[in-house]
Amino acid sequence: MRWEALFADMEAQLAAGRLADARADVAELARAERASVPLAARVRASVGCQVRVLVAGGDTLSGELVDAAPEWLLLRTQAAGRALV
């Protein structure tokens, strides 16, 4: 009986280790997947959402994201109507 309990415990530890390894692999793959998505694609996914952008000089623009490209953002703001960033 002692040997059976010992082997059962060892098998449980091995299974737990495999599960921990699998979880670590999944987390790493998720990080790699997120890293492969360009910033422009992430921003375009937010079209129609309210955003706040910190621009050079320290100014902040807030508004609805109307359109986006790798080099610019178009916001609909209350103050200026539309702002090209």
PDB file of N, CA and C in Angstrom:
ATOM      1  N   MET A   1       0.806  -1.196   0.000  1.00  0.00           N
ATOM      2  CA  MET A   1       0.000   0.000   0.000  1.00  0.00           C
ATOM      3  C   MET A   1       0.852   1.265   0.000  1.00  0.00           C
ATOM      4  N   ARG A   2       1.961   1.258   0.722  1.00  0.00           N
ATOM      5  CA  ARG A   2       2.792   2.451   0.783  1.00  0.00           C
ATOM      6  C   ARG A   2       3.343   2.786  -0.594  1.00  0.00           C
ATOM      7  N   TRP A   3       3.732   1.739  -1.351  1.00  0.00           N
ATOM      8  CA  TRP A   3       4.276   1.982  -2.686  1.00  0.00           C
ATOM      9  C   TRP A   3       3.208   2.556  -3.609  1.00  0.00           C
ATOM     10  N   GLU A   4       2.007   2.047  -3.491  1.00  0.00           N
ATOM     11  CA  GLU A   4       0.914   2.549  -4.325  1.00  0.00           C
ATOM     12  C   GLU A   4       0.644   4.021  -4.023  1.00  0.00           C
ATOM     13  N   ALA A   5       0.662   4.366  -2.750  1.00  0.00           N
ATOM     14  CA  ALA A   5       0.444   5.766  -2.363  1.00  0.00           C
ATOM     15  C   ALA A   5       1.586   6.639  -2.864  1.00  0.00           C
ATOM     16  N   LEU A   6       2.809   6.123  -2.766  1.00  0.00           N
ATOM     17  CA  LEU A   6       3.971   6.876  -3.242  1.00  0.00           C
ATOM     18  C   LEU A   6       3.873   7.117  -4.742  1.00  0.00           C
ATOM     19  N   PHE A   7       3.559   6.061  -5.503  1.00  0.00           N
ATOM     20  CA  PHE A   7       3.454   6.213  -6.951  1.00  0.00           C
ATOM     21  C   PHE A   7       2.273   7.105  -7.337  1.00  0.00           C
ATOM     22  N   ALA A   8       1.185   7.010  -6.616  1.00  0.00           N
ATOM     23  CA  ALA A   8       0.031   7.876  -6.886  1.00  0.00           C
ATOM     24  C   ALA A   8       0.403   9.334  -6.647  1.00  0.00           C
ATOM     25  N   ASP A   9       1.154   9.574  -5.569  1.00  0.00           N
ATOM     26  CA  ASP A   9       1.593  10.939  -5.276  1.00  0.00           C
ATOM     27  C   ASP A   9       2.543  11.442  -6.357  1.00  0.00           C
ATOM     28  N   MET A  10       3.455  10.599  -6.788  1.00  0.00           N
ATOM     29  CA  MET A  10       4.404  10.993  -7.838  1.00  0.00           C
ATOM     30  C   MET A  10       3.673  11.283  -9.147  1.00  0.00           C
ATOM     31  N   GLU A  11       2.681  10.475  -9.479  1.00  0.00           N
ATOM     32  CA  GLU A  11       1.903  10.707 -10.693  1.00  0.00           C
ATOM     33  C   GLU A  11       1.122  12.013 -10.600  1.00  0.00           C
ATOM     34  N   ALA A  12       0.588  12.306  -9.426  1.00  0.00           N
ATOM     35  CA  ALA A  12      -0.144  13.559  -9.231  1.00  0.00           C
ATOM     36  C   ALA A  12       0.789  14.755  -9.374  1.00  0.00           C
ATOM     37  N   GLN A  13       1.994  14.640  -8.833  1.00  0.00           N
ATOM     38  CA  GLN A  13       2.972  15.722  -8.966  1.00  0.00           C
ATOM     39  C   GLN A  13       3.376  15.916 -10.424  1.00  0.00           C
ATOM     40  N   LEU A  14       3.560  14.822 -11.138  1.00  0.00           N
ATOM     41  CA  LEU A  14       3.911  14.897 -12.552  1.00  0.00           C
ATOM     42  C   LEU A  14       2.786  15.557 -13.349  1.00  0.00           C
ATOM     43  N   ALA A  15       1.553  15.171 -13.069  1.00  0.00           N
ATOM     44  CA  ALA A  15       0.405  15.762 -13.762  1.00  0.00           C
ATOM     45  C   ALA A  15       0.304  17.253 -13.453  1.00  0.00           C
ATOM     46  N   ALA A  16       0.528  17.632 -12.204  1.00  0.00           N
ATOM     47  CA  ALA A  16       0.478  19.046 -11.830  1.00  0.00           C
ATOM     48  C   ALA A  16       1.586  19.822 -12.531  1.00  0.00           C
ATOM     49  N   GLY A  17       2.756  19.231 -12.639  1.00  0.00           N
ATOM     50  CA  GLY A  17       3.861  19.881 -13.346  1.00  0.00           C
ATOM     51  C   GLY A  17       3.554  20.065 -14.819  1.00  0.00           C
ATOM     52  N   ARG A  18       2.961  19.050 -15.423  1.00  0.00           N
ATOM     53  CA  ARG A  18       2.588  19.161 -16.840  1.00  0.00           C
ATOM     54  C   ARG A  18       1.535  20.241 -17.045  1.00  0.00           C
ATOM     55  N   LEU A  19       0.577  20.314 -16.131  1.00  0.00           N
ATOM     56  CA  LEU A  19      -0.460  21.338 -16.222  1.00  0.00           C
ATOM     57  C   LEU A  19       0.151  22.733 -16.084  1.00  0.00           C
ATOM     58  N   ALA A  20       1.076  22.888 -15.154  1.00  0.00           N
ATOM     59  CA  ALA A  20       1.742  24.184 -14.976  1.00  0.00           C
ATOM     60  C   ALA A  20       2.537  24.548 -16.229  1.00  0.00           C
ATOM     61  N   ASP A  21       3.217  23.575 -16.826  1.00  0.00           N
ATOM     62  CA  ASP A  21       3.961  23.829 -18.064  1.00  0.00           C
ATOM     63  C   ASP A  21       3.020  24.231 -19.193  1.00  0.00           C
ATOM     64  N   ALA A  22       1.893  23.551 -19.296  1.00  0.00           N
ATOM     65  CA  ALA A  22       0.924  23.871 -20.349  1.00  0.00           C
ATOM     66  C   ALA A  22       0.374  25.280 -20.160  1.00  0.00           C
ATOM     67  N   ARG A  23       0.079  25.650 -18.923  1.00  0.00           N
ATOM     68  CA  ARG A  23      -0.424  27.004 -18.657  1.00  0.00           C
ATOM     69  C   ARG A  23       0.623  28.051 -19.006  1.00  0.00           C
ATOM     70  N   ALA A  24       1.873  27.777 -18.681  1.00  0.00           N
ATOM     71  CA  ALA A  24       2.948  28.712 -19.017  1.00  0.00           C
ATOM     72  C   ALA A  24       3.090  28.835 -20.532  1.00  0.00           C
ATOM     73  N   ASP A  25       2.976  27.716 -21.240  1.00  0.00           N
ATOM     74  CA  ASP A  25       3.060  27.751 -22.704  1.00  0.00           C
ATOM     75  C   ASP A  25       1.919  28.570 -23.301  1.00  0.00           C
ATOM     76  N   VAL A  26       0.723  28.381 -22.786  1.00  0.00           N
ATOM     77  CA  VAL A  26      -0.435  29.134 -23.284  1.00  0.00           C
ATOM     78  C   VAL A  26      -0.247  30.625 -23.028  1.00  0.00           C
ATOM     79  N   ALA A  27       0.232  30.976 -21.850  1.00  0.00           N
ATOM     80  CA  ALA A  27       0.458  32.386 -21.533  1.00  0.00           C
ATOM     81  C   ALA A  27       1.509  32.986 -22.465  1.00  0.00           C
ATOM     82  N   GLU A  28       2.566  32.256 -22.729  1.00  0.00           N
ATOM     83  CA  GLU A  28       3.620  32.748 -23.626  1.00  0.00           C
ATOM     84  C   GLU A  28       3.097  32.898 -25.052  1.00  0.00           C
ATOM     85  N   LEU A  29       2.312  31.941 -25.509  1.00  0.00           N
ATOM     86  CA  LEU A  29       1.738  32.042 -26.852  1.00  0.00           C
ATOM     87  C   LEU A  29       0.780  33.225 -26.960  1.00  0.00           C
ATOM     88  N   ALA A  30       0.016  33.473 -25.914  1.00  0.00           N
ATOM     89  CA  ALA A  30      -0.900  34.621 -25.918  1.00  0.00           C
ATOM     90  C   ALA A  30      -0.119  35.926 -25.976  1.00  0.00           C
ATOM     91  N   ARG A  31       0.972  36.024 -25.208  1.00  0.00           N
ATOM     92  CA  ARG A  31       1.811  37.231 -25.253  1.00  0.00           C
ATOM     93  C   ARG A  31       2.411  37.416 -26.645  1.00  0.00           C
ATOM     94  N   ALA A  32       2.878  36.338 -27.232  1.00  0.00           N
ATOM     95  CA  ALA A  32       3.468  36.421 -28.569  1.00  0.00           C
ATOM     96  C   ALA A  32       2.418  36.835 -29.600  1.00  0.00           C
ATOM     97  N   GLU A  33       1.217  36.319 -29.462  1.00  0.00           N
ATOM     98  CA  GLU A  33       0.135  36.682 -30.389  1.00  0.00           C
ATOM     99  C   GLU A  33      -0.191  38.164 -30.281  1.00  0.00           C
ATOM    100  N   ARG A  34      -0.309  38.660 -29.050  1.00  0.00           N
ATOM    101  CA  ARG A  34      -0.597  40.088 -28.863  1.00  0.00           C
ATOM    102  C   ARG A  34       0.533  40.946 -29.410  1.00  0.00           C
ATOM    103  N   ALA A  35       1.762  40.507 -29.227  1.00  0.00           N
ATOM    104  CA  ALA A  35       2.909  41.280 -29.700  1.00  0.00           C
ATOM    105  C   ALA A  35       2.968  41.328 -31.218  1.00  0.00           C
ATOM    106  N   SER A  36       2.379  40.348 -31.879  1.00  0.00           N
ATOM    107  CA  SER A  36       2.438  40.313 -33.339  1.00  0.00           C
ATOM    108  C   SER A  36       1.402  41.228 -33.992  1.00  0.00           C
ATOM    109  N   VAL A  37       0.452  41.738 -33.214  1.00  0.00           N
ATOM    110  CA  VAL A  37      -0.574  42.629 -33.759  1.00  0.00           C
ATOM    111  C   VAL A  37      -0.043  44.059 -33.721  1.00  0.00           C
ATOM    112  N   PRO A  38       0.081  44.702 -34.883  1.00  0.00           N
ATOM    113  CA  PRO A  38       0.612  46.070 -34.910  1.00  0.00           C
ATOM    114  C   PRO A  38      -0.293  47.049 -34.155  1.00  0.00           C
ATOM    115  N   LEU A  39       0.302  48.110 -33.651  1.00  0.00           N
ATOM    116  CA  LEU A  39      -0.448  49.120 -32.912  1.00  0.00           C
ATOM    117  C   LEU A  39      -1.573  49.698 -33.766  1.00  0.00           C
ATOM    118  N   ALA A  40      -1.309  49.934 -35.043  1.00  0.00           N
ATOM    119  CA  ALA A  40      -2.339  50.502 -35.920  1.00  0.00           C
ATOM    120  C   ALA A  40      -3.566  49.595 -35.979  1.00  0.00           C
ATOM    121  N   ALA A  41      -3.362  48.301 -36.015  1.00  0.00           N
ATOM    122  CA  ALA A  41      -4.488  47.367 -36.045  1.00  0.00           C
ATOM    123  C   ALA A  41      -5.261  47.409 -34.733  1.00  0.00           C
ATOM    124  N   ARG A  42      -4.550  47.531 -33.636  1.00  0.00           N
ATOM    125  CA  ARG A  42      -5.224  47.631 -32.335  1.00  0.00           C
ATOM    126  C   ARG A  42      -6.049  48.906 -32.258  1.00  0.00           C
ATOM    127  N   VAL A  43      -5.477  49.992 -32.767  1.00  0.00           N
ATOM    128  CA  VAL A  43      -6.191  51.270 -32.729  1.00  0.00           C
ATOM    129  C   VAL A  43      -7.416  51.211 -33.634  1.00  0.00           C
ATOM    130  N   ARG A  44      -7.267  50.658 -34.835  1.00  0.00           N
ATOM    131  CA  ARG A  44      -8.414  50.560 -35.753  1.00  0.00           C
ATOM    132  C   ARG A  44      -9.545  49.740 -35.144  1.00  0.00           C
ATOM    133  N   ALA A  45      -9.217  48.812 -34.286  1.00  0.00           N
ATOM    134  CA  ALA A  45     -10.254  48.016 -33.624  1.00  0.00           C
ATOM    135  C   ALA A  45     -11.072  48.865 -32.653  1.00  0.00           C
ATOM    136  N   SER A  46     -10.574  50.050 -32.318  1.00  0.00           N
ATOM    137  CA  SER A  46     -11.271  50.932 -31.380  1.00  0.00           C
ATOM    138  C   SER A  46     -12.057  52.040 -32.068  1.00  0.00           C
ATOM    139  N   VAL A  47     -12.175  51.989 -33.392  1.00  0.00           N
ATOM    140  CA  VAL A  47     -12.955  53.008 -34.106  1.00  0.00           C
ATOM    141  C   VAL A  47     -14.376  53.007 -33.541  1.00  0.00           C
ATOM    142  N   GLY A  48     -14.863  54.212 -33.248  1.00  0.00           N
ATOM    143  CA  GLY A  48     -16.184  54.363 -32.653  1.00  0.00           C
ATOM    144  C   GLY A  48     -16.149  54.478 -31.138  1.00  0.00           C
ATOM    145  N   CYS A  49     -15.005  54.224 -30.547  1.00  0.00           N
ATOM    146  CA  CYS A  49     -14.858  54.300 -29.091  1.00  0.00           C
ATOM    147  C   CYS A  49     -14.323  55.666 -28.678  1.00  0.00           C
ATOM    148  N   GLN A  50     -14.567  56.016 -27.437  1.00  0.00           N
ATOM    149  CA  GLN A  50     -13.994  57.229 -26.870  1.00  0.00           C
ATOM    150  C   GLN A  50     -12.545  56.939 -26.495  1.00  0.00           C
ATOM    151  N   VAL A  51     -11.638  57.822 -26.920  1.00  0.00           N
ATOM    152  CA  VAL A  51     -10.216  57.645 -26.626  1.00  0.00           C
ATOM    153  C   VAL A  51      -9.642  58.960 -26.115  1.00  0.00           C
ATOM    154  N   ARG A  52      -8.500  58.846 -25.477  1.00  0.00           N
ATOM    155  CA  ARG A  52      -7.752  60.023 -25.031  1.00  0.00           C
ATOM    156  C   ARG A  52      -6.326  59.832 -25.512  1.00  0.00           C
ATOM    157  N   VAL A  53      -5.794  60.853 -26.204  1.00  0.00           N
ATOM    158  CA  VAL A  53      -4.474  60.759 -26.817  1.00  0.00           C
ATOM    159  C   VAL A  53      -3.576  61.840 -26.233  1.00  0.00           C
ATOM    160  N   LEU A  54      -2.417  61.436 -25.754  1.00  0.00           N
ATOM    161  CA  LEU A  54      -1.407  62.373 -25.274  1.00  0.00           C
ATOM    162  C   LEU A  54      -0.482  62.666 -26.445  1.00  0.00           C
ATOM    163  N   VAL A  55      -0.412  63.929 -26.854  1.00  0.00           N
ATOM    164  CA  VAL A  55       0.393  64.309 -28.013  1.00  0.00           C
ATOM    165  C   VAL A  55       1.670  65.002 -27.558  1.00  0.00           C
ATOM    166  N   ALA A  56       2.590  65.171 -28.505  1.00  0.00           N
ATOM    167  CA  ALA A  56       3.850  65.855 -28.205  1.00  0.00           C
ATOM    168  C   ALA A  56       3.547  67.226 -27.620  1.00  0.00           C
ATOM    169  N   GLY A  57       4.305  67.612 -26.641  1.00  0.00           N
ATOM    170  CA  GLY A  57       4.072  68.876 -25.969  1.00  0.00           C
ATOM    171  C   GLY A  57       3.233  68.719 -24.717  1.00  0.00           C
ATOM    172  N   GLY A  58       2.713  67.519 -24.495  1.00  0.00           N
ATOM    173  CA  GLY A  58       1.972  67.248 -23.275  1.00  0.00           C
ATOM    174  C   GLY A  58       0.484  67.504 -23.338  1.00  0.00           C
ATOM    175  N   ASP A  59      -0.029  67.966 -24.480  1.00  0.00           N
ATOM    176  CA  ASP A  59      -1.471  68.192 -24.598  1.00  0.00           C
ATOM    177  C   ASP A  59      -2.204  66.858 -24.712  1.00  0.00           C
ATOM    178  N   THR A  60      -3.452  66.865 -24.270  1.00  0.00           N
ATOM    179  CA  THR A  60      -4.292  65.676 -24.353  1.00  0.00           C
ATOM    180  C   THR A  60      -5.523  65.998 -25.187  1.00  0.00           C
ATOM    181  N   LEU A  61      -5.830  65.124 -26.125  1.00  0.00           N
ATOM    182  CA  LEU A  61      -7.047  65.249 -26.923  1.00  0.00           C
ATOM    183  C   LEU A  61      -7.955  64.080 -26.577  1.00  0.00           C
ATOM    184  N   SER A  62      -9.227  64.383 -26.386  1.00  0.00           N
ATOM    185  CA  SER A  62     -10.210  63.342 -26.095  1.00  0.00           C
ATOM    186  C   SER A  62     -11.325  63.425 -27.112  1.00  0.00           C
ATOM    187  N   GLY A  63     -11.833  62.275 -27.498  1.00  0.00           N
ATOM    188  CA  GLY A  63     -12.954  62.255 -28.417  1.00  0.00           C
ATOM    189  C   GLY A  63     -13.212  60.864 -28.947  1.00  0.00           C
ATOM    190  N   GLU A  64     -14.131  60.801 -29.897  1.00  0.00           N
ATOM    191  CA  GLU A  64     -14.470  59.528 -30.526  1.00  0.00           C
ATOM    192  C   GLU A  64     -13.491  59.265 -31.661  1.00  0.00           C
ATOM    193  N   LEU A  65     -12.939  58.083 -31.691  1.00  0.00           N
ATOM    194  CA  LEU A  65     -12.028  57.702 -32.769  1.00  0.00           C
ATOM    195  C   LEU A  65     -12.855  57.433 -34.021  1.00  0.00           C
ATOM    196  N   VAL A  66     -12.645  58.261 -35.052  1.00  0.00           N
ATOM    197  CA  VAL A  66     -13.411  58.156 -36.290  1.00  0.00           C
ATOM    198  C   VAL A  66     -12.707  57.246 -37.290  1.00  0.00           C
ATOM    199  N   ASP A  67     -11.391  57.397 -37.401  1.00  0.00           N
ATOM    200  CA  ASP A  67     -10.618  56.605 -38.355  1.00  0.00           C
ATOM    201  C   ASP A  67      -9.178  56.552 -37.860  1.00  0.00           C
ATOM    202  N   ALA A  68      -8.417  55.603 -38.402  1.00  0.00           N
ATOM    203  CA  ALA A  68      -7.028  55.466 -37.972  1.00  0.00           C
ATOM    204  C   ALA A  68      -6.208  54.824 -39.075  1.00  0.00           C
ATOM    205  N   ALA A  69      -4.946  55.171 -39.094  1.00  0.00           N
ATOM    206  CA  ALA A  69      -3.963  54.583 -40.003  1.00  0.00           C
ATOM    207  C   ALA A  69      -2.654  54.479 -39.229  1.00  0.00           C
ATOM    208  N   PRO A  70      -1.646  53.844 -39.802  1.00  0.00           N
ATOM    209  CA  PRO A  70      -0.381  53.719 -39.064  1.00  0.00           C
ATOM    210  C   PRO A  70       0.241  55.059 -38.667  1.00  0.00           C
ATOM    211  N   GLU A  71      -0.013  56.124 -39.437  1.00  0.00           N
ATOM    212  CA  GLU A  71       0.623  57.409 -39.157  1.00  0.00           C
ATOM    213  C   GLU A  71      -0.288  58.444 -38.512  1.00  0.00           C
ATOM    214  N   TRP A  72      -1.593  58.215 -38.444  1.00  0.00           N
ATOM    215  CA  TRP A  72      -2.493  59.244 -37.936  1.00  0.00           C
ATOM    216  C   TRP A  72      -3.753  58.657 -37.314  1.00  0.00           C
ATOM    217  N   LEU A  73      -4.418  59.511 -36.526  1.00  0.00           N
ATOM    218  CA  LEU A  73      -5.725  59.200 -35.932  1.00  0.00           C
ATOM    219  C   LEU A  73      -6.654  60.363 -36.244  1.00  0.00           C
ATOM    220  N   LEU A  74      -7.905  60.080 -36.497  1.00  0.00           N
ATOM    221  CA  LEU A  74      -8.905  61.124 -36.685  1.00  0.00           C
ATOM    222  C   LEU A  74      -9.904  61.009 -35.548  1.00  0.00           C
ATOM    223  N   LEU A  75      -9.992  62.095 -34.763  1.00  0.00           N
ATOM    224  CA  LEU A  75     -10.891  62.126 -33.614  1.00  0.00           C
ATOM    225  C   LEU A  75     -12.019  63.112 -33.855  1.00  0.00           C
ATOM    226  N   ARG A  76     -13.194  62.790 -33.344  1.00  0.00           N
ATOM    227  CA  ARG A  76     -14.303  63.741 -33.305  1.00  0.00           C
ATOM    228  C   ARG A  76     -14.320  64.271 -31.879  1.00  0.00           C
ATOM    229  N   THR A  77     -13.971  65.551 -31.741  1.00  0.00           N
ATOM    230  CA  THR A  77     -13.876  66.156 -30.414  1.00  0.00           C
ATOM    231  C   THR A  77     -14.985  67.175 -30.220  1.00  0.00           C
ATOM    232  N   GLN A  78     -15.284  67.465 -28.976  1.00  0.00           N
ATOM    233  CA  GLN A  78     -16.292  68.489 -28.685  1.00  0.00           C
ATOM    234  C   GLN A  78     -15.734  69.880 -28.951  1.00  0.00           C
ATOM    235  N   ALA A  79     -14.466  70.082 -28.637  1.00  0.00           N
ATOM    236  CA  ALA A  79     -13.877  71.417 -28.753  1.00  0.00           C
ATOM    237  C   ALA A  79     -13.623  71.816 -30.206  1.00  0.00           C
ATOM    238  N   ALA A  80     -12.993  70.949 -30.986  1.00  0.00           N
ATOM    239  CA  ALA A  80     -12.565  71.326 -32.333  1.00  0.00           C
ATOM    240  C   ALA A  80     -13.385  70.676 -33.437  1.00  0.00           C
ATOM    241  N   GLY A  81     -14.334  69.874 -33.102  1.00  0.00           N
ATOM    242  CA  GLY A  81     -15.087  69.156 -34.127  1.00  0.00           C
ATOM    243  C   GLY A  81     -14.343  67.902 -34.536  1.00  0.00           C
ATOM    244  N   ARG A  82     -13.311  68.083 -35.346  1.00  0.00           N
ATOM    245  CA  ARG A  82     -12.462  66.954 -35.739  1.00  0.00           C
ATOM    246  C   ARG A  82     -11.008  67.336 -35.528  1.00  0.00           C
ATOM    247  N   ALA A  83     -10.227  66.368 -35.127  1.00  0.00           N
ATOM    248  CA  ALA A  83      -8.802  66.611 -34.910  1.00  0.00           C
ATOM    249  C   ALA A  83      -8.018  65.480 -35.555  1.00  0.00           C
ATOM    250  N   LEU A  84      -7.064  65.855 -36.382  1.00  0.00           N
ATOM    251  CA  LEU A  84      -6.175  64.891 -37.013  1.00  0.00           C
ATOM    252  C   LEU A  84      -4.898  64.840 -36.190  1.00  0.00           C
ATOM    253  N   VAL A  85      -4.606  63.688 -35.661  1.00  0.00           N
ATOM    254  CA  VAL A  85      -3.435  63.530 -34.789  1.00  0.00           C
ATOM    255  C   VAL A  85      -2.416  62.674 -35.504  1.00  0.00           C
TER     256      VAL A  85
END
